[in-house]
C-alpha atoms as a PDB file:
ATOM      1  CA  UNK A   1       0.000   0.000   0.000  1.00  0.00           C
ATOM      2  CA  UNK A   2       1.229   3.488  -0.900  1.00  0.00           C
ATOM      3  CA  UNK A   3       0.009   6.413   1.214  1.00  0.00           C
ATOM      4  CA  UNK A   4       0.759  10.055   0.503  1.00  0.00           C
ATOM      5  CA  UNK A   5       0.855  11.422   4.059  1.00  0.00           C
ATOM      6  CA  UNK A   6       0.630  15.121   3.201  1.00  0.00           C
ATOM      7  CA  UNK A   7      -1.828  16.564   0.666  1.00  0.00           C
ATOM      8  CA  UNK A   8      -4.136  19.564   0.434  1.00  0.00           C
ATOM      9  CA  UNK A   9      -7.355  19.897  -1.516  1.00  0.00           C
ATOM     10  CA  UNK A  10      -8.019  23.379  -2.883  1.00  0.00           C
ATOM     11  CA  UNK A  11     -11.135  25.397  -3.544  1.00  0.00           C
ATOM     12  CA  UNK A  12     -12.004  28.911  -4.692  1.00  0.00           C
ATOM     13  CA  UNK A  13     -11.819  31.418  -1.860  1.00  0.00           C
ATOM     14  CA  UNK A  14      -9.941  29.121   0.497  1.00  0.00           C
ATOM     15  CA  UNK A  15      -6.721  31.184   0.715  1.00  0.00           C
ATOM     16  CA  UNK A  16      -6.100  34.928   0.637  1.00  0.00           C
ATOM     17  CA  UNK A  17      -3.936  36.539  -2.039  1.00  0.00           C
ATOM     18  CA  UNK A  18      -1.183  37.511   0.421  1.00  0.00           C
ATOM     19  CA  UNK A  19      -0.376  33.871   1.060  1.00  0.00           C
ATOM     20  CA  UNK A  20      -0.701  32.848  -2.580  1.00  0.00           C
ATOM     21  CA  UNK A  21       1.792  35.488  -3.701  1.00  0.00           C
ATOM     22  CA  UNK A  22       4.317  34.267  -1.124  1.00  0.00           C
ATOM     23  CA  UNK A  23       3.846  30.636  -2.196  1.00  0.00           C
ATOM     24  CA  UNK A  24       4.257  31.464  -5.866  1.00  0.00           C
ATOM     25  CA  UNK A  25       7.494  33.336  -5.140  1.00  0.00           C
ATOM     26  CA  UNK A  26       8.873  30.533  -2.966  1.00  0.00           C
ATOM     27  CA  UNK A  27       8.139  27.753  -5.426  1.00  0.00           C
ATOM     28  CA  UNK A  28       9.175  29.562  -8.590  1.00  0.00           C
ATOM     29  CA  UNK A  29      12.547  30.288  -6.976  1.00  0.00           C
ATOM     30  CA  UNK A  30      13.102  26.563  -6.545  1.00  0.00           C
ATOM     31  CA  UNK A  31      11.705  25.823 -10.009  1.00  0.00           C
ATOM     32  CA  UNK A  32      14.188  28.271 -11.556  1.00  0.00           C
ATOM     33  CA  UNK A  33      17.089  26.682  -9.680  1.00  0.00           C
ATOM     34  CA  UNK A  34      16.130  23.208 -10.881  1.00  0.00           C
ATOM     35  CA  UNK A  35      15.345  24.089 -14.488  1.00  0.00           C
ATOM     36  CA  UNK A  36      17.772  27.029 -14.899  1.00  0.00           C
ATOM     37  CA  UNK A  37      14.966  29.307 -16.016  1.00  0.00           C
ATOM     38  CA  UNK A  38      13.969  32.847 -15.060  1.00  0.00           C
ATOM     39  CA  UNK A  39      10.240  32.487 -14.591  1.00  0.00           C
ATOM     40  CA  UNK A  40       8.170  34.803 -12.410  1.00  0.00           C
ATOM     41  CA  UNK A  41       5.643  34.160  -9.621  1.00  0.00           C
ATOM     42  CA  UNK A  42       2.923  34.869 -12.158  1.00  0.00           C
ATOM     43  CA  UNK A  43       4.359  32.116 -14.334  1.00  0.00           C
ATOM     44  CA  UNK A  44       4.126  29.718 -11.388  1.00  0.00           C
ATOM     45  CA  UNK A  45       0.500  30.686 -10.855  1.00  0.00           C
ATOM     46  CA  UNK A  46      -0.221  29.948 -14.505  1.00  0.00           C
ATOM     47  CA  UNK A  47       1.596  26.597 -14.362  1.00  0.00           C
ATOM     48  CA  UNK A  48      -0.297  25.664 -11.207  1.00  0.00           C
ATOM     49  CA  UNK A  49      -3.658  26.543 -12.693  1.00  0.00           C
ATOM     50  CA  UNK A  50      -2.912  24.631 -15.890  1.00  0.00           C
ATOM     51  CA  UNK A  51      -1.686  21.549 -14.031  1.00  0.00           C
ATOM     52  CA  UNK A  52      -3.509  18.240 -14.302  1.00  0.00           C
ATOM     53  CA  UNK A  53      -5.226  17.391 -12.075  1.00  0.00           C
ATOM     54  CA  UNK A  54      -6.755  20.878 -11.788  1.00  0.00           C
ATOM     55  CA  UNK A  55      -5.687  22.560  -8.576  1.00  0.00           C
ATOM     56  CA  UNK A  56      -9.234  23.784  -7.878  1.00  0.00           C
ATOM     57  CA  UNK A  57     -10.751  20.466  -6.907  1.00  0.00           C
ATOM     58  CA  UNK A  58     -12.538  20.730  -3.533  1.00  0.00           C
ATOM     59  CA  UNK A  59     -14.188  17.307  -3.804  1.00  0.00           C
ATOM     60  CA  UNK A  60     -10.949  15.538  -4.710  1.00  0.00           C
ATOM     61  CA  UNK A  61     -12.237  13.930  -7.911  1.00  0.00           C
ATOM     62  CA  UNK A  62      -9.169  14.799  -9.976  1.00  0.00           C
ATOM     63  CA  UNK A  63      -6.805  14.130  -7.088  1.00  0.00           C
ATOM     64  CA  UNK A  64      -8.083  10.551  -6.926  1.00  0.00           C
ATOM     65  CA  UNK A  65      -7.508  10.246 -10.681  1.00  0.00           C
ATOM     66  CA  UNK A  66      -3.930  11.452 -10.190  1.00  0.00           C
ATOM     67  CA  UNK A  67      -3.405   9.033  -7.314  1.00  0.00           C
ATOM     68  CA  UNK A  68      -4.648   6.158  -9.456  1.00  0.00           C
ATOM     69  CA  UNK A  69      -2.156   6.978 -12.203  1.00  0.00           C
ATOM     70  CA  UNK A  70       0.677   7.287  -9.690  1.00  0.00           C
ATOM     71  CA  UNK A  71      -0.202   4.085  -7.856  1.00  0.00           C
ATOM     72  CA  UNK A  72      -1.089   5.896  -4.623  1.00  0.00           C
ATOM     73  CA  UNK A  73      -3.753   4.057  -2.641  1.00  0.00           C
ATOM     74  CA  UNK A  74      -4.605   6.676  -0.025  1.00  0.00           C
ATOM     75  CA  UNK A  75      -3.896  10.303   0.753  1.00  0.00           C
ATOM     76  CA  UNK A  76      -3.906  12.196   4.039  1.00  0.00           C
ATOM     77  CA  UNK A  77      -5.666  15.492   3.282  1.00  0.00           C
ATOM     78  CA  UNK A  78      -6.188  18.730   5.184  1.00  0.00           C
ATOM     79  CA  UNK A  79      -6.556  22.491   4.665  1.00  0.00           C
ATOM     80  CA  UNK A  80      -4.454  25.200   6.361  1.00  0.00           C
ATOM     81  CA  UNK A  81      -5.706  27.797   8.852  1.00  0.00           C
ATOM     82  CA  UNK A  82      -3.818  30.939   7.839  1.00  0.00           C
ATOM     83  CA  UNK A  83      -6.380  33.510   8.988  1.00  0.00           C
ATOM     84  CA  UNK A  84      -4.298  35.183  11.766  1.00  0.00           C
ATOM     85  CA  UNK A  85      -1.604  36.105   9.210  1.00  0.00           C
ATOM     86  CA  UNK A  86      -3.622  36.798   6.068  1.00  0.00           C
ATOM     87  CA  UNK A  87      -7.082  37.590   7.385  1.00  0.00           C
ATOM     88  CA  UNK A  88     -10.104  35.337   7.137  1.00  0.00           C
ATOM     89  CA  UNK A  89     -10.594  33.832   3.654  1.00  0.00           C
ATOM     90  CA  UNK A  90     -13.935  33.980   1.854  1.00  0.00           C
ATOM     91  CA  UNK A  91     -14.535  30.347   2.795  1.00  0.00           C
ATOM     92  CA  UNK A  92     -14.140  29.894   6.576  1.00  0.00           C
ATOM     93  CA  UNK A  93     -11.845  27.187   7.913  1.00  0.00           C
ATOM     94  CA  UNK A  94     -14.834  25.266   9.295  1.00  0.00           C
ATOM     95  CA  UNK A  95     -16.256  24.942   5.792  1.00  0.00           C
ATOM     96  CA  UNK A  96     -12.862  23.927   4.404  1.00  0.00           C
ATOM     97  CA  UNK A  97     -12.527  21.195   7.014  1.00  0.00           C
ATOM     98  CA  UNK A  98     -16.033  20.001   6.211  1.00  0.00           C
ATOM     99  CA  UNK A  99     -15.137  19.884   2.497  1.00  0.00           C
ATOM    100  CA  UNK A 100     -12.177  17.619   3.263  1.00  0.00           C
ATOM    101  CA  UNK A 101     -14.373  15.380   5.415  1.00  0.00           C
ATOM    102  CA  UNK A 102     -16.991  15.241   2.642  1.00  0.00           C
ATOM    103  CA  UNK A 103     -14.346  14.386   0.027  1.00  0.00           C
ATOM    104  CA  UNK A 104     -13.266  11.448   2.176  1.00  0.00           C
ATOM    105  CA  UNK A 105     -16.856  10.208   2.352  1.00  0.00           C
ATOM    106  CA  UNK A 106     -17.355  10.661  -1.377  1.00  0.00           C
ATOM    107  CA  UNK A 107     -14.180   8.722  -2.182  1.00  0.00           C
ATOM    108  CA  UNK A 108     -14.510   6.078   0.493  1.00  0.00           C
ATOM    109  CA  UNK A 109     -11.231   4.460   1.425  1.00  0.00           C
ATOM    110  CA  UNK A 110      -9.049   6.908  -0.514  1.00  0.00           C
ATOM    111  CA  UNK A 111      -8.659   9.901   1.805  1.00  0.00           C
ATOM    112  CA  UNK A 112      -7.791  10.293   5.489  1.00  0.00           C
ATOM    113  CA  UNK A 113      -9.078  13.778   6.399  1.00  0.00           C
ATOM    114  CA  UNK A 114      -7.492  15.887   9.147  1.00  0.00           C
ATOM    115  CA  UNK A 115      -8.918  19.023  10.734  1.00  0.00           C
ATOM    116  CA  UNK A 116      -6.816  22.176  10.392  1.00  0.00           C
ATOM    117  CA  UNK A 117      -7.314  24.840  13.018  1.00  0.00           C
ATOM    118  CA  UNK A 118      -5.537  27.576  14.916  1.00  0.00           C
ATOM    119  CA  UNK A 119      -5.665  26.778  18.650  1.00  0.00           C
ATOM    120  CA  UNK A 120      -6.132  30.474  19.452  1.00  0.00           C
ATOM    121  CA  UNK A 121      -9.597  30.488  17.922  1.00  0.00           C
ATOM    122  CA  UNK A 122     -12.141  30.999  20.651  1.00  0.00           C
ATOM    123  CA  UNK A 123     -14.165  28.042  19.382  1.00  0.00           C
ATOM    124  CA  UNK A 124     -11.177  25.771  18.673  1.00  0.00           C
ATOM    125  CA  UNK A 125     -12.376  22.962  20.944  1.00  0.00           C
ATOM    126  CA  UNK A 126     -15.879  23.123  19.462  1.00  0.00           C
ATOM    127  CA  UNK A 127     -14.439  22.938  15.943  1.00  0.00           C
ATOM    128  CA  UNK A 128     -12.256  20.014  16.975  1.00  0.00           C
ATOM    129  CA  UNK A 129     -15.112  18.102  18.573  1.00  0.00           C
ATOM    130  CA  UNK A 130     -17.359  18.590  15.556  1.00  0.00           C
ATOM    131  CA  UNK A 131     -14.616  17.476  13.160  1.00  0.00           C
ATOM    132  CA  UNK A 132     -13.853  14.242  14.990  1.00  0.00           C
ATOM    133  CA  UNK A 133     -17.185  13.234  16.494  1.00  0.00           C
ATOM    134  CA  UNK A 134     -19.621  14.464  13.828  1.00  0.00           C
ATOM    135  CA  UNK A 135     -17.615  14.424  10.599  1.00  0.00           C
ATOM    136  CA  UNK A 136     -15.311  11.487  11.261  1.00  0.00           C
ATOM    137  CA  UNK A 137     -12.033  13.310  10.682  1.00  0.00           C
ATOM    138  CA  UNK A 138      -8.902  11.429  11.756  1.00  0.00           C
ATOM    139  CA  UNK A 139      -6.548  13.939  13.359  1.00  0.00           C
ATOM    140  CA  UNK A 140      -5.356  17.541  13.312  1.00  0.00           C
ATOM    141  CA  UNK A 141      -2.970  19.890  11.537  1.00  0.00           C
ATOM    142  CA  UNK A 142      -1.284  22.875  13.178  1.00  0.00           C
ATOM    143  CA  UNK A 143       0.431  25.704  11.266  1.00  0.00           C
ATOM    144  CA  UNK A 144       2.678  27.450  13.846  1.00  0.00           C
ATOM    145  CA  UNK A 145       3.917  30.122  11.376  1.00  0.00           C
ATOM    146  CA  UNK A 146       0.413  31.574  11.656  1.00  0.00           C
ATOM    147  CA  UNK A 147       1.658  32.955  14.968  1.00  0.00           C
ATOM    148  CA  UNK A 148       1.836  30.398  17.779  1.00  0.00           C
ATOM    149  CA  UNK A 149       4.398  27.985  19.174  1.00  0.00           C
ATOM    150  CA  UNK A 150       3.461  24.293  19.387  1.00  0.00           C
ATOM    151  CA  UNK A 151       4.651  24.240  23.010  1.00  0.00           C
ATOM    152  CA  UNK A 152       2.442  27.178  24.023  1.00  0.00           C
ATOM    153  CA  UNK A 153      -0.202  26.218  26.624  1.00  0.00           C
ATOM    154  CA  UNK A 154      -2.885  27.461  24.203  1.00  0.00           C
ATOM    155  CA  UNK A 155      -2.273  24.211  22.282  1.00  0.00           C
ATOM    156  CA  UNK A 156      -2.549  21.877  25.256  1.00  0.00           C
ATOM    157  CA  UNK A 157      -6.359  21.384  25.266  1.00  0.00           C
ATOM    158  CA  UNK A 158      -6.250  20.182  21.637  1.00  0.00           C
ATOM    159  CA  UNK A 159      -3.362  17.801  22.385  1.00  0.00           C
ATOM    160  CA  UNK A 160      -5.271  16.389  25.335  1.00  0.00           C
ATOM    161  CA  UNK A 161      -8.351  15.800  23.187  1.00  0.00           C
ATOM    162  CA  UNK A 162      -6.174  14.110  20.550  1.00  0.00           C
ATOM    163  CA  UNK A 163      -5.077  11.645  23.218  1.00  0.00           C
ATOM    164  CA  UNK A 164      -8.671  11.100  24.307  1.00  0.00           C
ATOM    165  CA  UNK A 165      -9.753  10.452  20.718  1.00  0.00           C
ATOM    166  CA  UNK A 166      -6.645   8.436  19.837  1.00  0.00           C
ATOM    167  CA  UNK A 167      -5.770  10.605  16.815  1.00  0.00           C
ATOM    168  CA  UNK A 168      -2.435  12.121  15.686  1.00  0.00           C
ATOM    169  CA  UNK A 169      -1.286  15.706  15.327  1.00  0.00           C
ATOM    170  CA  UNK A 170       0.644  16.879  12.240  1.00  0.00           C
ATOM    171  CA  UNK A 171       2.630  20.066  12.863  1.00  0.00           C
ATOM    172  CA  UNK A 172       4.156  22.080  10.033  1.00  0.00           C
ATOM    173  CA  UNK A 173       7.900  22.683  10.174  1.00  0.00           C
ATOM    174  CA  UNK A 174      10.039  24.614   7.701  1.00  0.00           C
ATOM    175  CA  UNK A 175      10.011  27.714   5.566  1.00  0.00           C
ATOM    176  CA  UNK A 176       6.788  29.695   5.388  1.00  0.00           C
ATOM    177  CA  UNK A 177       5.288  33.157   5.102  1.00  0.00           C
ATOM    178  CA  UNK A 178       6.123  34.134   8.713  1.00  0.00           C
ATOM    179  CA  UNK A 179       7.494  33.000  12.089  1.00  0.00           C
ATOM    180  CA  UNK A 180      10.025  30.390  10.952  1.00  0.00           C
ATOM    181  CA  UNK A 181      11.264  30.111  14.540  1.00  0.00           C
ATOM    182  CA  UNK A 182       7.828  29.040  15.798  1.00  0.00           C
ATOM    183  CA  UNK A 183       7.928  25.777  13.848  1.00  0.00           C
ATOM    184  CA  UNK A 184      11.496  24.697  14.622  1.00  0.00           C
ATOM    185  CA  UNK A 185      11.602  20.936  15.346  1.00  0.00           C
ATOM    186  CA  UNK A 186      12.940  21.689  18.838  1.00  0.00           C
ATOM    187  CA  UNK A 187       9.720  23.529  19.671  1.00  0.00           C
ATOM    188  CA  UNK A 188       7.661  20.632  18.311  1.00  0.00           C
ATOM    189  CA  UNK A 189       9.804  18.276  20.387  1.00  0.00           C
ATOM    190  CA  UNK A 190       8.924  20.252  23.506  1.00  0.00           C
ATOM    191  CA  UNK A 191       5.238  19.576  22.917  1.00  0.00           C
ATOM    192  CA  UNK A 192       5.827  15.897  22.154  1.00  0.00           C
ATOM    193  CA  UNK A 193       7.845  15.456  25.324  1.00  0.00           C
ATOM    194  CA  UNK A 194       5.048  16.986  27.395  1.00  0.00           C
ATOM    195  CA  UNK A 195       2.500  14.587  25.852  1.00  0.00           C
ATOM    196  CA  UNK A 196       4.215  11.228  25.291  1.00  0.00           C
ATOM    197  CA  UNK A 197       0.894   9.539  24.454  1.00  0.00           C
ATOM    198  CA  UNK A 198       0.311  11.917  21.535  1.00  0.00           C
ATOM    199  CA  UNK A 199       1.448  10.787  18.083  1.00  0.00           C
ATOM    200  CA  UNK A 200       3.171  13.788  16.485  1.00  0.00           C
ATOM    201  CA  UNK A 201       4.231  14.126  12.843  1.00  0.00           C
ATOM    202  CA  UNK A 202       6.725  16.830  11.851  1.00  0.00           C
ATOM    203  CA  UNK A 203       5.200  17.968   8.586  1.00  0.00           C
ATOM    204  CA  UNK A 204       7.694  18.409   5.720  1.00  0.00           C
ATOM    205  CA  UNK A 205      10.431  17.001   8.013  1.00  0.00           C
ATOM    206  CA  UNK A 206      11.496  20.582   8.638  1.00  0.00           C
ATOM    207  CA  UNK A 207      12.081  21.114   4.899  1.00  0.00           C
ATOM    208  CA  UNK A 208      15.722  21.495   3.988  1.00  0.00           C
ATOM    209  CA  UNK A 209      16.346  24.301   6.495  1.00  0.00           C
ATOM    210  CA  UNK A 210      15.650  22.055   9.515  1.00  0.00           C
ATOM    211  CA  UNK A 211      16.231  18.627   7.996  1.00  0.00           C
ATOM    212  CA  UNK A 212      18.924  17.635  10.489  1.00  0.00           C
ATOM    213  CA  UNK A 213      17.041  19.019  13.492  1.00  0.00           C
ATOM    214  CA  UNK A 214      13.930  17.095  12.406  1.00  0.00           C
ATOM    215  CA  UNK A 215      15.866  13.845  12.598  1.00  0.00           C
ATOM    216  CA  UNK A 216      17.042  14.681  16.101  1.00  0.00           C
ATOM    217  CA  UNK A 217      13.478  15.482  17.195  1.00  0.00           C
ATOM    218  CA  UNK A 218      12.232  12.203  15.708  1.00  0.00           C
ATOM    219  CA  UNK A 219      14.414  10.255  18.127  1.00  0.00           C
ATOM    220  CA  UNK A 220      11.661  11.030  20.670  1.00  0.00           C
ATOM    221  CA  UNK A 221       9.478   7.893  20.760  1.00  0.00           C
ATOM    222  CA  UNK A 222       6.187   9.569  19.784  1.00  0.00           C
ATOM    223  CA  UNK A 223       7.607  11.820  17.030  1.00  0.00           C
ATOM    224  CA  UNK A 224       7.445  10.926  13.320  1.00  0.00           C
ATOM    225  CA  UNK A 225       8.156  12.920  10.183  1.00  0.00           C
ATOM    226  CA  UNK A 226       6.875  13.167   6.629  1.00  0.00           C
ATOM    227  CA  UNK A 227       9.262  14.323   3.922  1.00  0.00           C
ATOM    228  CA  UNK A 228       6.773  16.133   1.710  1.00  0.00           C
ATOM    229  CA  UNK A 229       8.201  19.118  -0.207  1.00  0.00           C
ATOM    230  CA  UNK A 230      11.592  17.411  -0.514  1.00  0.00           C
ATOM    231  CA  UNK A 231      11.146  17.146  -4.288  1.00  0.00           C
ATOM    232  CA  UNK A 232      13.352  20.165  -4.950  1.00  0.00           C
ATOM    233  CA  UNK A 233      16.095  18.752  -2.724  1.00  0.00           C
ATOM    234  CA  UNK A 234      15.899  15.474  -4.646  1.00  0.00           C
ATOM    235  CA  UNK A 235      16.079  17.209  -8.031  1.00  0.00           C
ATOM    236  CA  UNK A 236      18.912  19.576  -7.119  1.00  0.00           C
ATOM    237  CA  UNK A 237      21.002  17.202  -5.018  1.00  0.00           C
ATOM    238  CA  UNK A 238      19.833  13.603  -5.500  1.00  0.00           C
ATOM    239  CA  UNK A 239      22.832  12.032  -3.748  1.00  0.00           C
ATOM    240  CA  UNK A 240      22.425  14.322  -0.738  1.00  0.00           C
ATOM    241  CA  UNK A 241      18.706  13.649  -0.607  1.00  0.00           C
ATOM    242  CA  UNK A 242      19.110   9.874  -0.672  1.00  0.00           C
ATOM    243  CA  UNK A 243      21.841  10.100   1.963  1.00  0.00           C
ATOM    244  CA  UNK A 244      19.466  12.118   4.152  1.00  0.00           C
ATOM    245  CA  UNK A 245      16.779   9.456   3.665  1.00  0.00           C
ATOM    246  CA  UNK A 246      19.297   6.721   4.498  1.00  0.00           C
ATOM    247  CA  UNK A 247      20.314   8.630   7.624  1.00  0.00           C
ATOM    248  CA  UNK A 248      16.665   9.064   8.608  1.00  0.00           C
ATOM    249  CA  UNK A 249      16.049   5.330   8.421  1.00  0.00           C
ATOM    250  CA  UNK A 250      19.238   4.539  10.300  1.00  0.00           C
ATOM    251  CA  UNK A 251      18.788   7.212  12.983  1.00  0.00           C
ATOM    252  CA  UNK A 252      15.080   6.937  13.831  1.00  0.00           C
ATOM    253  CA  UNK A 253      13.798   3.834  12.021  1.00  0.00           C
ATOM    254  CA  UNK A 254      11.809   3.453   8.804  1.00  0.00           C
ATOM    255  CA  UNK A 255       8.595   3.206  10.835  1.00  0.00           C
ATOM    256  CA  UNK A 256       8.942   6.909  11.701  1.00  0.00           C
ATOM    257  CA  UNK A 257       9.547   8.151   8.145  1.00  0.00           C
ATOM    258  CA  UNK A 258       6.463   8.858   6.006  1.00  0.00           C
ATOM    259  CA  UNK A 259       6.290   9.463   2.259  1.00  0.00           C
ATOM    260  CA  UNK A 260       4.422  12.628   1.310  1.00  0.00           C
ATOM    261  CA  UNK A 261       4.163  15.115  -1.536  1.00  0.00           C
ATOM    262  CA  UNK A 262       2.661  18.339  -0.173  1.00  0.00           C
ATOM    263  CA  UNK A 263       0.277  18.400  -3.159  1.00  0.00           C
ATOM    264  CA  UNK A 264      -0.524  20.639  -5.006  1.00  0.00           C
ATOM    265  CA  UNK A 265       2.331  23.169  -5.145  1.00  0.00           C
ATOM    266  CA  UNK A 266       5.352  20.811  -5.208  1.00  0.00           C
ATOM    267  CA  UNK A 267       3.702  18.808  -7.988  1.00  0.00           C
ATOM    268  CA  UNK A 268       4.400  21.618 -10.438  1.00  0.00           C
ATOM    269  CA  UNK A 269       8.065  20.776  -9.944  1.00  0.00           C
ATOM    270  CA  UNK A 270       7.650  17.008  -9.690  1.00  0.00           C
ATOM    271  CA  UNK A 271       4.456  15.151 -10.704  1.00  0.00           C
ATOM    272  CA  UNK A 272       3.102  12.630  -8.207  1.00  0.00           C
ATOM    273  CA  UNK A 273       4.010   9.563 -10.267  1.00  0.00           C
ATOM    274  CA  UNK A 274       7.592  10.748 -10.653  1.00  0.00           C
ATOM    275  CA  UNK A 275       7.952  11.398  -6.915  1.00  0.00           C
ATOM    276  CA  UNK A 276       6.522   7.966  -6.084  1.00  0.00           C
ATOM    277  CA  UNK A 277       9.024   6.330  -8.441  1.00  0.00           C
ATOM    278  CA  UNK A 278      11.911   8.329  -6.951  1.00  0.00           C
ATOM    279  CA  UNK A 279      11.277   6.694  -3.577  1.00  0.00           C
ATOM    280  CA  UNK A 280       9.907   3.330  -4.629  1.00  0.00           C
ATOM    281  CA  UNK A 281      12.689   2.754  -7.174  1.00  0.00           C
ATOM    282  CA  UNK A 282      15.564   4.964  -5.984  1.00  0.00           C
ATOM    283  CA  UNK A 283      18.211   5.603  -8.652  1.00  0.00           C
ATOM    284  CA  UNK A 284      21.227   5.747  -6.371  1.00  0.00           C
ATOM    285  CA  UNK A 285      24.176   3.720  -5.163  1.00  0.00           C
ATOM    286  CA  UNK A 286      22.918   4.216  -1.612  1.00  0.00           C
ATOM    287  CA  UNK A 287      21.238   1.001  -0.511  1.00  0.00           C
ATOM    288  CA  UNK A 288      17.594   0.643   0.544  1.00  0.00           C
ATOM    289  CA  UNK A 289      15.895  -2.715   0.976  1.00  0.00           C
ATOM    290  CA  UNK A 290      12.331  -3.561  -0.025  1.00  0.00           C
ATOM    291  CA  UNK A 291      11.123  -3.775   3.556  1.00  0.00           C
ATOM    292  CA  UNK A 292      12.341  -0.255   4.291  1.00  0.00           C
ATOM    293  CA  UNK A 293      10.710   1.139   1.150  1.00  0.00           C
ATOM    294  CA  UNK A 294       7.416  -0.609   1.917  1.00  0.00           C
ATOM    295  CA  UNK A 295       7.381   0.905   5.397  1.00  0.00           C
ATOM    296  CA  UNK A 296       8.191   4.421   4.201  1.00  0.00           C
ATOM    297  CA  UNK A 297       5.716   4.293   1.330  1.00  0.00           C
ATOM    298  CA  UNK A 298       2.747   3.172   3.400  1.00  0.00           C
ATOM    299  CA  UNK A 299       3.135   1.036   6.498  1.00  0.00           C
ATOM    300  CA  UNK A 300       4.487   3.867   8.622  1.00  0.00           C
ATOM    301  CA  UNK A 301       1.523   6.089   7.754  1.00  0.00           C
ATOM    302  CA  UNK A 302      -0.873   3.201   8.374  1.00  0.00           C
ATOM    303  CA  UNK A 303       0.351   2.983  11.951  1.00  0.00           C
ATOM    304  CA  UNK A 304       0.356   6.731  12.607  1.00  0.00           C
ATOM    305  CA  UNK A 305      -3.087   7.437  11.136  1.00  0.00           C
ATOM    306  CA  UNK A 306      -4.750   4.203  12.287  1.00  0.00           C
ATOM    307  CA  UNK A 307      -5.452   3.048   8.727  1.00  0.00           C
ATOM    308  CA  UNK A 308      -6.768  -0.445   8.165  1.00  0.00           C
ATOM    309  CA  UNK A 309      -5.797  -2.507   5.156  1.00  0.00           C
END
């Protein structure tokens, strides 16, 4: 079984322009480095909007089609609550979470939906309860660069409910529009150490800026990591990427390392099928055995997200 442990559905009005402009600039910079081009953020926007599957796909129909072609059996999906940084989007985060839950029901067995929320919202616990108990969502996603630290006491009630419900928490780590220091793996480790019963996933494995620190944090028993958004690292420095992956397996165990893409933005640089092949059939002299690849590509995520099959 292949599971993409980090994906986002997208819909019209889900994200404000301030964030989109930052994302386009960030990704086109990497695209230009890989392809030795001089494209602009507007060019990235156009490439994203012309991508297949279409990026505007709130029910996940085209995402499932893409997964089928890439050989991906399931995807962990969630929105992002950016409102404190960008302002509230046209479509509130509650409605975005509900759309992800509905997509999972529509495509039964293909999506594992997580609830994204900012713990500083006055109704955060109500949103969390509704997502898990009424909509059947399977965990949570925090975006610390929106302005909070994962080890701040404001987060503790959500962590405690995660333990009660037996669901994991994915926490973003790496470069973003603001507050890079808030999502350092050390800060995530602080939260994981306080709640050893909570399964924590370091989203994006810190990206390249914190890739070594993410491995250190994942030595904590309840901390895992997904290496979504590592496509640029793989394309620019394949030997260094595969050595990092080898080190991750050796340092923390394959069962803590989850395959992920970060769909949709990284897929402009590397289509899903190509990224799957890069991990499933690594073109490198660095050795990986079949058991390790099988764990990374799906079994690790099965255990973290309580997926049957």
